[in-house]
PDB file of N, CA and C in Angstrom:
ATOM      1  N   UNK A   1     -22.501 -33.012  19.671  1.00  0.00           N
ATOM      2  CA  UNK A   1     -21.476 -32.573  18.748  1.00  0.00           C
ATOM      3  C   UNK A   1     -20.651 -31.477  19.429  1.00  0.00           C
ATOM      4  N   UNK A   2     -19.359 -31.644  19.459  1.00  0.00           N
ATOM      5  CA  UNK A   2     -18.500 -30.680  20.132  1.00  0.00           C
ATOM      6  C   UNK A   2     -18.350 -29.408  19.296  1.00  0.00           C
ATOM      7  N   UNK A   3     -17.909 -28.366  19.964  1.00  0.00           N
ATOM      8  CA  UNK A   3     -17.714 -27.090  19.275  1.00  0.00           C
ATOM      9  C   UNK A   3     -16.630 -27.212  18.207  1.00  0.00           C
ATOM     10  N   UNK A   4     -15.623 -28.023  18.483  1.00  0.00           N
ATOM     11  CA  UNK A   4     -14.542 -28.195  17.518  1.00  0.00           C
ATOM     12  C   UNK A   4     -15.049 -28.897  16.257  1.00  0.00           C
ATOM     13  N   UNK A   5     -15.896 -29.887  16.408  1.00  0.00           N
ATOM     14  CA  UNK A   5     -16.465 -30.595  15.263  1.00  0.00           C
ATOM     15  C   UNK A   5     -17.334 -29.654  14.437  1.00  0.00           C
ATOM     16  N   UNK A   6     -18.121 -28.814  15.117  1.00  0.00           N
ATOM     17  CA  UNK A   6     -18.954 -27.842  14.410  1.00  0.00           C
ATOM     18  C   UNK A   6     -18.097 -26.851  13.633  1.00  0.00           C
ATOM     19  N   UNK A   7     -17.000 -26.404  14.237  1.00  0.00           N
ATOM     20  CA  UNK A   7     -16.118 -25.441  13.575  1.00  0.00           C
ATOM     21  C   UNK A   7     -15.475 -26.058  12.337  1.00  0.00           C
ATOM     22  N   UNK A   8     -15.069 -27.301  12.418  1.00  0.00           N
ATOM     23  CA  UNK A   8     -14.470 -27.961  11.265  1.00  0.00           C
ATOM     24  C   UNK A   8     -15.494 -28.129  10.145  1.00  0.00           C
ATOM     25  N   UNK A   9     -16.733 -28.434  10.503  1.00  0.00           N
ATOM     26  CA  UNK A   9     -17.793 -28.566   9.509  1.00  0.00           C
ATOM     27  C   UNK A   9     -18.123 -27.240   8.852  1.00  0.00           C
ATOM     28  N   UNK A  10     -18.100 -26.154   9.631  1.00  0.00           N
ATOM     29  CA  UNK A  10     -18.398 -24.832   9.088  1.00  0.00           C
ATOM     30  C   UNK A  10     -17.343 -24.411   8.077  1.00  0.00           C
ATOM     31  N   UNK A  11     -16.096 -24.744   8.363  1.00  0.00           N
ATOM     32  CA  UNK A  11     -15.002 -24.361   7.470  1.00  0.00           C
ATOM     33  C   UNK A  11     -15.185 -24.981   6.089  1.00  0.00           C
ATOM     34  N   UNK A  12     -15.776 -26.150   6.003  1.00  0.00           N
ATOM     35  CA  UNK A  12     -15.966 -26.836   4.727  1.00  0.00           C
ATOM     36  C   UNK A  12     -17.327 -26.542   4.102  1.00  0.00           C
ATOM     37  N   UNK A  13     -18.129 -25.684   4.730  1.00  0.00           N
ATOM     38  CA  UNK A  13     -19.451 -25.372   4.197  1.00  0.00           C
ATOM     39  C   UNK A  13     -19.366 -24.212   3.207  1.00  0.00           C
ATOM     40  N   UNK A  14     -20.443 -24.002   2.453  1.00  0.00           N
ATOM     41  CA  UNK A  14     -20.493 -22.884   1.506  1.00  0.00           C
ATOM     42  C   UNK A  14     -20.396 -21.557   2.246  1.00  0.00           C
ATOM     43  N   UNK A  15     -21.108 -21.445   3.354  1.00  0.00           N
ATOM     44  CA  UNK A  15     -21.087 -20.207   4.130  1.00  0.00           C
ATOM     45  C   UNK A  15     -19.685 -19.924   4.649  1.00  0.00           C
ATOM     46  N   UNK A  16     -19.025 -20.947   5.159  1.00  0.00           N
ATOM     47  CA  UNK A  16     -17.661 -20.786   5.653  1.00  0.00           C
ATOM     48  C   UNK A  16     -16.700 -20.407   4.550  1.00  0.00           C
ATOM     49  N   UNK A  17     -16.907 -20.966   3.361  1.00  0.00           N
ATOM     50  CA  UNK A  17     -16.038 -20.647   2.226  1.00  0.00           C
ATOM     51  C   UNK A  17     -16.262 -19.208   1.779  1.00  0.00           C
ATOM     52  N   UNK A  18     -17.514 -18.767   1.733  1.00  0.00           N
ATOM     53  CA  UNK A  18     -17.793 -17.371   1.398  1.00  0.00           C
ATOM     54  C   UNK A  18     -17.158 -16.427   2.424  1.00  0.00           C
ATOM     55  N   UNK A  19     -17.245 -16.791   3.686  1.00  0.00           N
ATOM     56  CA  UNK A  19     -16.642 -15.982   4.741  1.00  0.00           C
ATOM     57  C   UNK A  19     -15.129 -15.925   4.567  1.00  0.00           C
ATOM     58  N   UNK A  20     -14.526 -17.026   4.200  1.00  0.00           N
ATOM     59  CA  UNK A  20     -13.085 -17.063   3.958  1.00  0.00           C
ATOM     60  C   UNK A  20     -12.698 -16.184   2.774  1.00  0.00           C
ATOM     61  N   UNK A  21     -13.510 -16.198   1.731  1.00  0.00           N
ATOM     62  CA  UNK A  21     -13.245 -15.340   0.571  1.00  0.00           C
ATOM     63  C   UNK A  21     -13.309 -13.867   0.987  1.00  0.00           C
ATOM     64  N   UNK A  22     -14.320 -13.519   1.756  1.00  0.00           N
ATOM     65  CA  UNK A  22     -14.454 -12.135   2.225  1.00  0.00           C
ATOM     66  C   UNK A  22     -13.297 -11.711   3.099  1.00  0.00           C
ATOM     67  N   UNK A  23     -12.883 -12.586   3.982  1.00  0.00           N
ATOM     68  CA  UNK A  23     -11.763 -12.289   4.868  1.00  0.00           C
ATOM     69  C   UNK A  23     -10.472 -12.130   4.076  1.00  0.00           C
ATOM     70  N   UNK A  24     -10.263 -13.007   3.109  1.00  0.00           N
ATOM     71  CA  UNK A  24      -9.063 -12.936   2.272  1.00  0.00           C
ATOM     72  C   UNK A  24      -9.075 -11.657   1.437  1.00  0.00           C
ATOM     73  N   UNK A  25     -10.218 -11.336   0.859  1.00  0.00           N
ATOM     74  CA  UNK A  25     -10.328 -10.117   0.058  1.00  0.00           C
ATOM     75  C   UNK A  25     -10.133  -8.873   0.929  1.00  0.00           C
ATOM     76  N   UNK A  26     -10.564  -8.942   2.173  1.00  0.00           N
ATOM     77  CA  UNK A  26     -10.373  -7.822   3.095  1.00  0.00           C
ATOM     78  C   UNK A  26      -8.882  -7.573   3.319  1.00  0.00           C
ATOM     79  N   UNK A  27      -8.077  -8.622   3.255  1.00  0.00           N
ATOM     80  CA  UNK A  27      -6.630  -8.480   3.369  1.00  0.00           C
ATOM     81  C   UNK A  27      -6.033  -7.675   2.236  1.00  0.00           C
ATOM     82  N   UNK A  28      -6.758  -7.585   1.130  1.00  0.00           N
ATOM     83  CA  UNK A  28      -6.290  -6.796  -0.007  1.00  0.00           C
ATOM     84  C   UNK A  28      -6.195  -5.314   0.355  1.00  0.00           C
ATOM     85  N   UNK A  29      -7.023  -4.857   1.269  1.00  0.00           N
ATOM     86  CA  UNK A  29      -6.956  -3.459   1.701  1.00  0.00           C
ATOM     87  C   UNK A  29      -5.598  -3.159   2.332  1.00  0.00           C
ATOM     88  N   UNK A  30      -5.109  -4.074   3.127  1.00  0.00           N
ATOM     89  CA  UNK A  30      -3.796  -3.916   3.738  1.00  0.00           C
ATOM     90  C   UNK A  30      -2.696  -3.859   2.686  1.00  0.00           C
ATOM     91  N   UNK A  31      -2.822  -4.698   1.670  1.00  0.00           N
ATOM     92  CA  UNK A  31      -1.825  -4.705   0.592  1.00  0.00           C
ATOM     93  C   UNK A  31      -1.869  -3.387  -0.177  1.00  0.00           C
ATOM     94  N   UNK A  32      -3.063  -2.868  -0.423  1.00  0.00           N
ATOM     95  CA  UNK A  32      -3.177  -1.586  -1.124  1.00  0.00           C
ATOM     96  C   UNK A  32      -2.519  -0.454  -0.333  1.00  0.00           C
ATOM     97  N   UNK A  33      -2.705  -0.462   0.982  1.00  0.00           N
ATOM     98  CA  UNK A  33      -2.048   0.536   1.827  1.00  0.00           C
ATOM     99  C   UNK A  33      -0.527   0.378   1.757  1.00  0.00           C
ATOM    100  N   UNK A  34      -0.079  -0.865   1.737  1.00  0.00           N
ATOM    101  CA  UNK A  34       1.354  -1.138   1.667  1.00  0.00           C
ATOM    102  C   UNK A  34       1.929  -0.630   0.333  1.00  0.00           C
ATOM    103  N   UNK A  35       1.200  -0.845  -0.752  1.00  0.00           N
ATOM    104  CA  UNK A  35       1.649  -0.368  -2.068  1.00  0.00           C
ATOM    105  C   UNK A  35       1.721   1.160  -2.079  1.00  0.00           C
ATOM    106  N   UNK A  36       0.707   1.800  -1.546  1.00  0.00           N
ATOM    107  CA  UNK A  36       0.676   3.258  -1.524  1.00  0.00           C
ATOM    108  C   UNK A  36       1.862   3.808  -0.734  1.00  0.00           C
ATOM    109  N   UNK A  37       2.127   3.213   0.423  1.00  0.00           N
ATOM    110  CA  UNK A  37       3.237   3.673   1.249  1.00  0.00           C
ATOM    111  C   UNK A  37       4.574   3.425   0.544  1.00  0.00           C
ATOM    112  N   UNK A  38       4.711   2.276  -0.098  1.00  0.00           N
ATOM    113  CA  UNK A  38       5.956   1.941  -0.797  1.00  0.00           C
ATOM    114  C   UNK A  38       6.215   2.910  -1.943  1.00  0.00           C
ATOM    115  N   UNK A  39       5.159   3.285  -2.643  1.00  0.00           N
ATOM    116  CA  UNK A  39       5.329   4.221  -3.763  1.00  0.00           C
ATOM    117  C   UNK A  39       5.707   5.612  -3.284  1.00  0.00           C
ATOM    118  N   UNK A  40       5.080   6.078  -2.207  1.00  0.00           N
ATOM    119  CA  UNK A  40       5.405   7.422  -1.719  1.00  0.00           C
ATOM    120  C   UNK A  40       6.823   7.483  -1.168  1.00  0.00           C
ATOM    121  N   UNK A  41       7.306   6.377  -0.605  1.00  0.00           N
ATOM    122  CA  UNK A  41       8.661   6.340  -0.043  1.00  0.00           C
ATOM    123  C   UNK A  41       9.691   5.832  -1.052  1.00  0.00           C
ATOM    124  N   UNK A  42       9.255   5.469  -2.249  1.00  0.00           N
ATOM    125  CA  UNK A  42      10.136   4.915  -3.287  1.00  0.00           C
ATOM    126  C   UNK A  42      10.921   3.712  -2.745  1.00  0.00           C
ATOM    127  N   UNK A  43      10.190   2.849  -2.026  1.00  0.00           N
ATOM    128  CA  UNK A  43      10.790   1.667  -1.386  1.00  0.00           C
ATOM    129  C   UNK A  43      10.505   0.439  -2.250  1.00  0.00           C
ATOM    130  N   UNK A  44      11.482   0.044  -3.052  1.00  0.00           N
ATOM    131  CA  UNK A  44      11.304  -1.070  -3.986  1.00  0.00           C
ATOM    132  C   UNK A  44      11.075  -2.388  -3.259  1.00  0.00           C
ATOM    133  N   UNK A  45      11.792  -2.599  -2.176  1.00  0.00           N
ATOM    134  CA  UNK A  45      11.661  -3.860  -1.450  1.00  0.00           C
ATOM    135  C   UNK A  45      10.255  -4.011  -0.865  1.00  0.00           C
ATOM    136  N   UNK A  46       9.720  -2.940  -0.314  1.00  0.00           N
ATOM    137  CA  UNK A  46       8.364  -2.984   0.230  1.00  0.00           C
ATOM    138  C   UNK A  46       7.341  -3.187  -0.896  1.00  0.00           C
ATOM    139  N   UNK A  47       7.612  -2.612  -2.059  1.00  0.00           N
ATOM    140  CA  UNK A  47       6.731  -2.786  -3.212  1.00  0.00           C
ATOM    141  C   UNK A  47       6.743  -4.235  -3.689  1.00  0.00           C
ATOM    142  N   UNK A  48       7.904  -4.861  -3.706  1.00  0.00           N
ATOM    143  CA  UNK A  48       8.006  -6.281  -4.068  1.00  0.00           C
ATOM    144  C   UNK A  48       7.260  -7.134  -3.044  1.00  0.00           C
ATOM    145  N   UNK A  49       7.394  -6.799  -1.768  1.00  0.00           N
ATOM    146  CA  UNK A  49       6.681  -7.531  -0.720  1.00  0.00           C
ATOM    147  C   UNK A  49       5.168  -7.416  -0.919  1.00  0.00           C
ATOM    148  N   UNK A  50       4.701  -6.236  -1.282  1.00  0.00           N
ATOM    149  CA  UNK A  50       3.268  -6.039  -1.524  1.00  0.00           C
ATOM    150  C   UNK A  50       2.812  -6.853  -2.732  1.00  0.00           C
ATOM    151  N   UNK A  51       3.639  -6.926  -3.763  1.00  0.00           N
ATOM    152  CA  UNK A  51       3.282  -7.715  -4.953  1.00  0.00           C
ATOM    153  C   UNK A  51       3.176  -9.197  -4.620  1.00  0.00           C
ATOM    154  N   UNK A  52       4.106  -9.685  -3.800  1.00  0.00           N
ATOM    155  CA  UNK A  52       4.055 -11.090  -3.391  1.00  0.00           C
ATOM    156  C   UNK A  52       2.815 -11.346  -2.532  1.00  0.00           C
ATOM    157  N   UNK A  53       2.505 -10.422  -1.641  1.00  0.00           N
ATOM    158  CA  UNK A  53       1.301 -10.552  -0.817  1.00  0.00           C
ATOM    159  C   UNK A  53       0.038 -10.544  -1.671  1.00  0.00           C
ATOM    160  N   UNK A  54       0.013  -9.692  -2.679  1.00  0.00           N
ATOM    161  CA  UNK A  54      -1.143  -9.634  -3.583  1.00  0.00           C
ATOM    162  C   UNK A  54      -1.290 -10.949  -4.339  1.00  0.00           C
ATOM    163  N   UNK A  55      -0.173 -11.515  -4.761  1.00  0.00           N
ATOM    164  CA  UNK A  55      -0.225 -12.808  -5.459  1.00  0.00           C
ATOM    165  C   UNK A  55      -0.766 -13.896  -4.532  1.00  0.00           C
ATOM    166  N   UNK A  56      -0.388 -13.845  -3.264  1.00  0.00           N
ATOM    167  CA  UNK A  56      -0.891 -14.819  -2.301  1.00  0.00           C
ATOM    168  C   UNK A  56      -2.399 -14.669  -2.101  1.00  0.00           C
ATOM    169  N   UNK A  57      -2.876 -13.437  -2.084  1.00  0.00           N
ATOM    170  CA  UNK A  57      -4.314 -13.196  -1.930  1.00  0.00           C
ATOM    171  C   UNK A  57      -5.070 -13.717  -3.142  1.00  0.00           C
ATOM    172  N   UNK A  58      -4.562 -13.427  -4.327  1.00  0.00           N
ATOM    173  CA  UNK A  58      -5.221 -13.901  -5.550  1.00  0.00           C
ATOM    174  C   UNK A  58      -5.258 -15.422  -5.580  1.00  0.00           C
ATOM    175  N   UNK A  59      -4.160 -16.048  -5.218  1.00  0.00           N
ATOM    176  CA  UNK A  59      -4.106 -17.514  -5.186  1.00  0.00           C
ATOM    177  C   UNK A  59      -5.077 -18.070  -4.160  1.00  0.00           C
ATOM    178  N   UNK A  60      -5.124 -17.454  -2.995  1.00  0.00           N
ATOM    179  CA  UNK A  60      -6.043 -17.907  -1.948  1.00  0.00           C
ATOM    180  C   UNK A  60      -7.497 -17.821  -2.369  1.00  0.00           C
ATOM    181  N   UNK A  61      -7.862 -16.714  -2.990  1.00  0.00           N
ATOM    182  CA  UNK A  61      -9.247 -16.560  -3.470  1.00  0.00           C
ATOM    183  C   UNK A  61      -9.548 -17.577  -4.565  1.00  0.00           C
ATOM    184  N   UNK A  62      -8.584 -17.808  -5.458  1.00  0.00           N
ATOM    185  CA  UNK A  62      -8.786 -18.795  -6.524  1.00  0.00           C
ATOM    186  C   UNK A  62      -9.005 -20.197  -5.936  1.00  0.00           C
ATOM    187  N   UNK A  63      -8.246 -20.542  -4.922  1.00  0.00           N
ATOM    188  CA  UNK A  63      -8.436 -21.844  -4.271  1.00  0.00           C
ATOM    189  C   UNK A  63      -9.807 -21.946  -3.609  1.00  0.00           C
ATOM    190  N   UNK A  64     -10.229 -20.862  -2.974  1.00  0.00           N
ATOM    191  CA  UNK A  64     -11.543 -20.871  -2.325  1.00  0.00           C
ATOM    192  C   UNK A  64     -12.668 -20.952  -3.350  1.00  0.00           C
ATOM    193  N   UNK A  65     -12.514 -20.258  -4.481  1.00  0.00           N
ATOM    194  CA  UNK A  65     -13.526 -20.352  -5.538  1.00  0.00           C
ATOM    195  C   UNK A  65     -13.593 -21.773  -6.106  1.00  0.00           C
ATOM    196  N   UNK A  66     -12.430 -22.408  -6.232  1.00  0.00           N
ATOM    197  CA  UNK A  66     -12.410 -23.798  -6.695  1.00  0.00           C
ATOM    198  C   UNK A  66     -13.138 -24.700  -5.694  1.00  0.00           C
ATOM    199  N   UNK A  67     -12.968 -24.418  -4.411  1.00  0.00           N
ATOM    200  CA  UNK A  67     -13.663 -25.193  -3.376  1.00  0.00           C
ATOM    201  C   UNK A  67     -15.168 -24.996  -3.490  1.00  0.00           C
ATOM    202  N   UNK A  68     -15.602 -23.761  -3.751  1.00  0.00           N
ATOM    203  CA  UNK A  68     -17.038 -23.509  -3.943  1.00  0.00           C
ATOM    204  C   UNK A  68     -17.571 -24.291  -5.135  1.00  0.00           C
ATOM    205  N   UNK A  69     -16.807 -24.297  -6.201  1.00  0.00           N
ATOM    206  CA  UNK A  69     -17.223 -25.039  -7.389  1.00  0.00           C
ATOM    207  C   UNK A  69     -17.335 -26.528  -7.069  1.00  0.00           C
ATOM    208  N   UNK A  70     -16.394 -27.029  -6.282  1.00  0.00           N
ATOM    209  CA  UNK A  70     -16.423 -28.428  -5.882  1.00  0.00           C
ATOM    210  C   UNK A  70     -17.654 -28.724  -5.021  1.00  0.00           C
ATOM    211  N   UNK A  71     -18.068 -27.755  -4.226  1.00  0.00           N
ATOM    212  CA  UNK A  71     -19.247 -27.932  -3.376  1.00  0.00           C
ATOM    213  C   UNK A  71     -20.544 -27.857  -4.188  1.00  0.00           C
ATOM    214  N   UNK A  72     -20.424 -27.503  -5.476  1.00  0.00           N
ATOM    215  CA  UNK A  72     -21.604 -27.497  -6.337  1.00  0.00           C
ATOM    216  C   UNK A  72     -22.367 -26.193  -6.334  1.00  0.00           C
ATOM    217  N   UNK A  73     -21.715 -25.111  -6.055  1.00  0.00           N
ATOM    218  CA  UNK A  73     -22.381 -23.807  -6.046  1.00  0.00           C
ATOM    219  C   UNK A  73     -22.403 -23.254  -7.469  1.00  0.00           C
ATOM    220  N   UNK A  74     -23.564 -23.152  -8.072  1.00  0.00           N
ATOM    221  CA  UNK A  74     -23.698 -22.674  -9.448  1.00  0.00           C
ATOM    222  C   UNK A  74     -23.737 -21.159  -9.545  1.00  0.00           C
ATOM    223  N   UNK A  75     -23.749 -20.438  -8.407  1.00  0.00           N
ATOM    224  CA  UNK A  75     -23.817 -18.982  -8.430  1.00  0.00           C
ATOM    225  C   UNK A  75     -22.468 -18.333  -8.690  1.00  0.00           C
ATOM    226  N   UNK A  76     -21.400 -19.089  -8.590  1.00  0.00           N
ATOM    227  CA  UNK A  76     -20.065 -18.516  -8.816  1.00  0.00           C
ATOM    228  C   UNK A  76     -19.883 -18.312 -10.318  1.00  0.00           C
ATOM    229  N   UNK A  77     -19.317 -17.193 -10.696  1.00  0.00           N
ATOM    230  CA  UNK A  77     -19.229 -16.816 -12.103  1.00  0.00           C
ATOM    231  C   UNK A  77     -18.053 -17.473 -12.836  1.00  0.00           C
ATOM    232  N   UNK A  78     -17.593 -18.585 -12.360  1.00  0.00           N
ATOM    233  CA  UNK A  78     -16.482 -19.268 -13.010  1.00  0.00           C
ATOM    234  C   UNK A  78     -16.925 -20.353 -13.958  1.00  0.00           C
ATOM    235  N   UNK A  79     -18.179 -20.527 -14.132  1.00  0.00           N
ATOM    236  CA  UNK A  79     -18.629 -21.483 -15.120  1.00  0.00           C
ATOM    237  C   UNK A  79     -19.189 -22.659 -14.500  1.00  0.00           C
TER     238      UNK A  79
END
C-alpha cells in the first residue's frame, strides 16, 4: 500500500476527521486575533473579513461533524 493511499484512507477515518476538526478549530484562534486587532483599530473591513472567516470555520466544523455522524460515531453530541 503506497503512502498516498494510506493518506487518503486516513483522511476519511474517524481519527482523521477528529484531527481535521481540531485543526479547523485551531484556526479560530487566528480569527479571534483578527477580530481583536480590527476592533482596536476600528477597521470595519477587517472586522467583516474576520466574520466571514468565522463563518467558514463554523461551516467547516459542521461539515466534519456531519462526516463523523455518517461514519457512525455515536460519541458526537449531535444526536
